[in-house]
Amino acid sequence: MSHTWHVTVHLFDADDVEPHGTLTAAHATLTTSSGTSLEGYGRARRRPDDPEVREVGEELAAARALRDLADRLLRATSDDLSVLEHRHVRLDA
């Protein structure tokens, strides 16, 4: 039996986040086939002397949001296993 989980990443332009346009933010949402959802967040800041390449900031912010989401999923799984095992379970990345 297969299941499909969906991950959505929303990117927020620097102009949407702050007036000087040096920050890009990302919000990642995982929705499981049962409707459970988890969220992760990431940011990337461009130094004022760096060239303005939007894609680089978006990639970094998205990567950080997905890493945060993965860490949260590992913690949720660890918590679920702890309940089932009746002992503390810690999963490493």
N, C-alpha and C. Protein backbone atom coordinates (compact mmCIF):
# COMPACT_ATOMS: atom_id res chain seq x y z
N MET A 1 0.84 -1.16 0.00
CA MET A 1 0.00 0.00 0.00
C MET A 1 0.90 1.25 0.00
N SER A 2 0.67 2.13 -0.92
CA SER A 2 1.50 3.34 -0.99
C SER A 2 0.70 4.54 -0.50
N HIS A 3 1.43 5.53 -0.04
CA HIS A 3 0.85 6.78 0.44
C HIS A 3 1.61 7.93 -0.20
N THR A 4 0.95 9.04 -0.33
CA THR A 4 1.59 10.23 -0.85
C THR A 4 1.57 11.31 0.20
N TRP A 5 2.73 11.87 0.48
CA TRP A 5 2.85 13.03 1.36
C TRP A 5 3.23 14.21 0.49
N HIS A 6 2.74 15.37 0.86
CA HIS A 6 2.99 16.58 0.08
C HIS A 6 3.82 17.57 0.89
N VAL A 7 4.81 18.14 0.24
CA VAL A 7 5.61 19.20 0.85
C VAL A 7 5.45 20.45 -0.02
N THR A 8 5.11 21.54 0.63
CA THR A 8 4.98 22.82 -0.05
C THR A 8 5.96 23.79 0.57
N VAL A 9 6.69 24.51 -0.27
CA VAL A 9 7.61 25.53 0.22
C VAL A 9 7.15 26.87 -0.33
N HIS A 10 6.86 27.79 0.59
CA HIS A 10 6.50 29.16 0.22
C HIS A 10 7.71 30.04 0.47
N LEU A 11 8.07 30.82 -0.53
CA LEU A 11 9.20 31.73 -0.43
C LEU A 11 8.70 33.16 -0.34
N PHE A 12 9.33 33.93 0.52
CA PHE A 12 8.97 35.32 0.71
C PHE A 12 10.15 36.18 0.29
N ASP A 13 9.90 37.00 -0.70
CA ASP A 13 10.93 37.90 -1.22
C ASP A 13 11.44 38.83 -0.15
N ALA A 14 12.65 39.24 -0.32
CA ALA A 14 13.25 40.18 0.62
C ALA A 14 12.40 41.42 0.79
N ASP A 15 11.82 41.91 -0.29
CA ASP A 15 10.98 43.11 -0.21
C ASP A 15 9.72 42.87 0.61
N ASP A 16 9.25 41.63 0.66
CA ASP A 16 8.07 41.30 1.45
C ASP A 16 8.40 41.21 2.94
N VAL A 17 9.65 40.91 3.26
CA VAL A 17 10.06 40.64 4.63
C VAL A 17 10.62 41.88 5.32
N GLU A 18 11.45 42.64 4.61
CA GLU A 18 12.06 43.82 5.20
C GLU A 18 12.28 44.88 4.14
N PRO A 19 12.34 46.13 4.54
CA PRO A 19 12.41 47.21 3.56
C PRO A 19 13.70 47.28 2.75
N HIS A 20 14.82 46.82 3.28
CA HIS A 20 16.09 46.93 2.57
C HIS A 20 16.35 45.78 1.60
N GLY A 21 15.54 44.76 1.65
CA GLY A 21 15.61 43.68 0.67
C GLY A 21 16.82 42.78 0.77
N THR A 22 17.31 42.51 1.99
CA THR A 22 18.46 41.62 2.13
C THR A 22 18.10 40.27 2.74
N LEU A 23 16.81 40.03 3.00
CA LEU A 23 16.38 38.81 3.67
C LEU A 23 15.38 38.06 2.79
N THR A 24 15.57 36.73 2.73
CA THR A 24 14.61 35.86 2.08
C THR A 24 14.16 34.84 3.12
N ALA A 25 12.88 34.57 3.20
CA ALA A 25 12.34 33.63 4.17
C ALA A 25 11.60 32.53 3.43
N ALA A 26 11.58 31.34 4.05
CA ALA A 26 10.88 30.19 3.47
C ALA A 26 10.07 29.50 4.56
N HIS A 27 8.91 28.99 4.18
CA HIS A 27 8.02 28.26 5.06
C HIS A 27 7.69 26.95 4.37
N ALA A 28 8.11 25.83 4.95
CA ALA A 28 7.86 24.51 4.37
C ALA A 28 6.78 23.80 5.18
N THR A 29 5.83 23.21 4.49
CA THR A 29 4.75 22.47 5.15
C THR A 29 4.68 21.06 4.59
N LEU A 30 4.71 20.08 5.48
CA LEU A 30 4.53 18.67 5.12
C LEU A 30 3.12 18.29 5.53
N THR A 31 2.36 17.70 4.60
CA THR A 31 1.03 17.19 4.90
C THR A 31 1.03 15.71 4.56
N THR A 32 0.74 14.88 5.56
CA THR A 32 0.74 13.44 5.34
C THR A 32 -0.58 13.01 4.71
N SER A 33 -0.64 11.76 4.30
CA SER A 33 -1.86 11.24 3.68
C SER A 33 -3.02 11.20 4.67
N SER A 34 -2.72 11.19 5.97
CA SER A 34 -3.78 11.19 6.98
C SER A 34 -4.20 12.61 7.38
N GLY A 35 -3.52 13.63 6.80
CA GLY A 35 -3.89 15.01 7.08
C GLY A 35 -3.06 15.69 8.15
N THR A 36 -2.15 14.94 8.78
CA THR A 36 -1.26 15.53 9.77
C THR A 36 -0.29 16.48 9.06
N SER A 37 0.02 17.60 9.70
CA SER A 37 0.97 18.51 9.06
C SER A 37 2.03 18.97 10.04
N LEU A 38 3.20 19.24 9.50
CA LEU A 38 4.34 19.79 10.23
C LEU A 38 4.87 20.96 9.42
N GLU A 39 5.51 21.90 10.11
CA GLU A 39 6.04 23.08 9.42
C GLU A 39 7.49 23.29 9.77
N GLY A 40 8.22 23.87 8.83
CA GLY A 40 9.61 24.25 9.06
C GLY A 40 9.85 25.64 8.49
N TYR A 41 10.83 26.32 9.05
CA TYR A 41 11.11 27.70 8.64
C TYR A 41 12.59 27.88 8.37
N GLY A 42 12.90 28.74 7.41
CA GLY A 42 14.29 29.05 7.10
C GLY A 42 14.43 30.46 6.59
N ARG A 43 15.63 31.00 6.74
CA ARG A 43 15.91 32.36 6.28
C ARG A 43 17.30 32.40 5.66
N ALA A 44 17.49 33.35 4.78
CA ALA A 44 18.80 33.63 4.21
C ALA A 44 18.95 35.14 4.15
N ARG A 45 20.11 35.62 4.55
CA ARG A 45 20.36 37.05 4.53
C ARG A 45 21.51 37.34 3.57
N ARG A 46 21.25 38.28 2.69
CA ARG A 46 22.28 38.71 1.74
C ARG A 46 23.05 39.87 2.35
N ARG A 47 24.36 39.76 2.30
CA ARG A 47 25.18 40.87 2.77
C ARG A 47 25.03 42.03 1.79
N PRO A 48 25.10 43.24 2.28
CA PRO A 48 24.90 44.41 1.40
C PRO A 48 25.87 44.47 0.22
N ASP A 49 27.07 43.91 0.38
CA ASP A 49 28.04 43.95 -0.72
C ASP A 49 27.94 42.75 -1.66
N ASP A 50 27.06 41.80 -1.37
CA ASP A 50 26.86 40.64 -2.26
C ASP A 50 25.99 41.06 -3.45
N PRO A 51 26.20 40.41 -4.59
CA PRO A 51 25.33 40.71 -5.74
C PRO A 51 23.90 40.23 -5.47
N GLU A 52 22.95 40.89 -6.07
CA GLU A 52 21.54 40.52 -5.89
C GLU A 52 21.18 39.38 -6.84
N VAL A 53 21.26 38.16 -6.32
CA VAL A 53 20.88 36.96 -7.08
C VAL A 53 19.78 36.27 -6.27
N ARG A 54 18.56 36.55 -6.63
CA ARG A 54 17.40 36.08 -5.88
C ARG A 54 17.41 34.56 -5.68
N GLU A 55 17.77 33.83 -6.72
CA GLU A 55 17.70 32.37 -6.66
C GLU A 55 18.58 31.78 -5.56
N VAL A 56 19.74 32.37 -5.33
CA VAL A 56 20.64 31.86 -4.30
C VAL A 56 20.01 32.00 -2.91
N GLY A 57 19.45 33.15 -2.63
CA GLY A 57 18.78 33.36 -1.34
C GLY A 57 17.59 32.44 -1.17
N GLU A 58 16.85 32.23 -2.25
CA GLU A 58 15.69 31.33 -2.19
C GLU A 58 16.12 29.89 -1.93
N GLU A 59 17.18 29.46 -2.61
CA GLU A 59 17.68 28.10 -2.40
C GLU A 59 18.12 27.88 -0.96
N LEU A 60 18.86 28.84 -0.43
CA LEU A 60 19.36 28.70 0.94
C LEU A 60 18.22 28.74 1.96
N ALA A 61 17.30 29.66 1.80
CA ALA A 61 16.16 29.74 2.72
C ALA A 61 15.32 28.46 2.64
N ALA A 62 15.09 27.95 1.43
CA ALA A 62 14.31 26.72 1.26
C ALA A 62 15.03 25.53 1.88
N ALA A 63 16.34 25.45 1.67
CA ALA A 63 17.12 24.34 2.25
C ALA A 63 17.04 24.37 3.78
N ARG A 64 17.13 25.55 4.35
CA ARG A 64 17.05 25.67 5.81
C ARG A 64 15.65 25.34 6.32
N ALA A 65 14.63 25.72 5.58
CA ALA A 65 13.26 25.39 5.98
C ALA A 65 13.04 23.88 5.91
N LEU A 66 13.55 23.24 4.86
CA LEU A 66 13.40 21.79 4.72
C LEU A 66 14.20 21.04 5.79
N ARG A 67 15.38 21.56 6.14
CA ARG A 67 16.17 20.93 7.21
C ARG A 67 15.42 21.06 8.54
N ASP A 68 14.84 22.24 8.80
CA ASP A 68 14.06 22.43 10.02
C ASP A 68 12.86 21.47 10.03
N LEU A 69 12.20 21.34 8.89
CA LEU A 69 11.07 20.42 8.78
C LEU A 69 11.52 18.98 9.05
N ALA A 70 12.64 18.57 8.50
CA ALA A 70 13.16 17.21 8.72
C ALA A 70 13.47 16.98 10.20
N ASP A 71 14.08 17.97 10.85
CA ASP A 71 14.37 17.85 12.29
C ASP A 71 13.09 17.71 13.10
N ARG A 72 12.07 18.48 12.73
CA ARG A 72 10.79 18.39 13.44
C ARG A 72 10.13 17.04 13.21
N LEU A 73 10.25 16.50 12.00
CA LEU A 73 9.68 15.18 11.71
C LEU A 73 10.41 14.09 12.51
N LEU A 74 11.72 14.20 12.63
CA LEU A 74 12.47 13.24 13.46
C LEU A 74 12.03 13.32 14.92
N ARG A 75 11.83 14.54 15.44
CA ARG A 75 11.38 14.69 16.82
C ARG A 75 9.98 14.11 17.01
N ALA A 76 9.10 14.35 16.04
CA ALA A 76 7.74 13.80 16.13
C ALA A 76 7.77 12.28 16.11
N THR A 77 8.62 11.72 15.27
CA THR A 77 8.75 10.26 15.19
C THR A 77 9.32 9.71 16.49
N SER A 78 10.32 10.39 17.03
CA SER A 78 10.91 9.99 18.30
C SER A 78 9.86 10.01 19.42
N ASP A 79 9.06 11.06 19.44
CA ASP A 79 8.00 11.15 20.45
C ASP A 79 6.99 10.02 20.30
N ASP A 80 6.60 9.72 19.06
CA ASP A 80 5.65 8.63 18.81
C ASP A 80 6.23 7.30 19.27
N LEU A 81 7.50 7.05 18.95
CA LEU A 81 8.14 5.80 19.37
C LEU A 81 8.27 5.72 20.89
N SER A 82 8.54 6.84 21.52
CA SER A 82 8.66 6.86 22.98
C SER A 82 7.35 6.43 23.63
N VAL A 83 6.24 6.88 23.08
CA VAL A 83 4.93 6.49 23.61
C VAL A 83 4.70 4.99 23.42
N LEU A 84 5.03 4.50 22.23
CA LEU A 84 4.83 3.07 21.94
C LEU A 84 5.75 2.17 22.76
N GLU A 85 6.99 2.60 22.97
CA GLU A 85 8.00 1.80 23.66
C GLU A 85 7.96 1.97 25.19
N HIS A 86 7.25 2.99 25.65
CA HIS A 86 7.19 3.31 27.08
C HIS A 86 8.58 3.63 27.64
N ARG A 87 9.38 4.26 26.80
CA ARG A 87 10.71 4.71 27.23
C ARG A 87 11.15 5.81 26.26
N HIS A 88 12.13 6.58 26.69
CA HIS A 88 12.62 7.67 25.84
C HIS A 88 13.36 7.10 24.62
N VAL A 89 12.98 7.52 23.45
CA VAL A 89 13.64 7.13 22.21
C VAL A 89 14.18 8.39 21.55
N ARG A 90 15.46 8.35 21.19
CA ARG A 90 16.07 9.49 20.51
C ARG A 90 16.59 9.02 19.15
N LEU A 91 16.14 9.69 18.10
CA LEU A 91 16.59 9.37 16.75
C LEU A 91 17.57 10.45 16.29
N ASP A 92 18.71 10.02 15.80
CA ASP A 92 19.70 10.97 15.28
C ASP A 92 19.51 11.16 13.81
N ALA A 93 19.87 12.33 13.34
CA ALA A 93 19.73 12.67 11.92
C ALA A 93 20.72 11.91 11.08
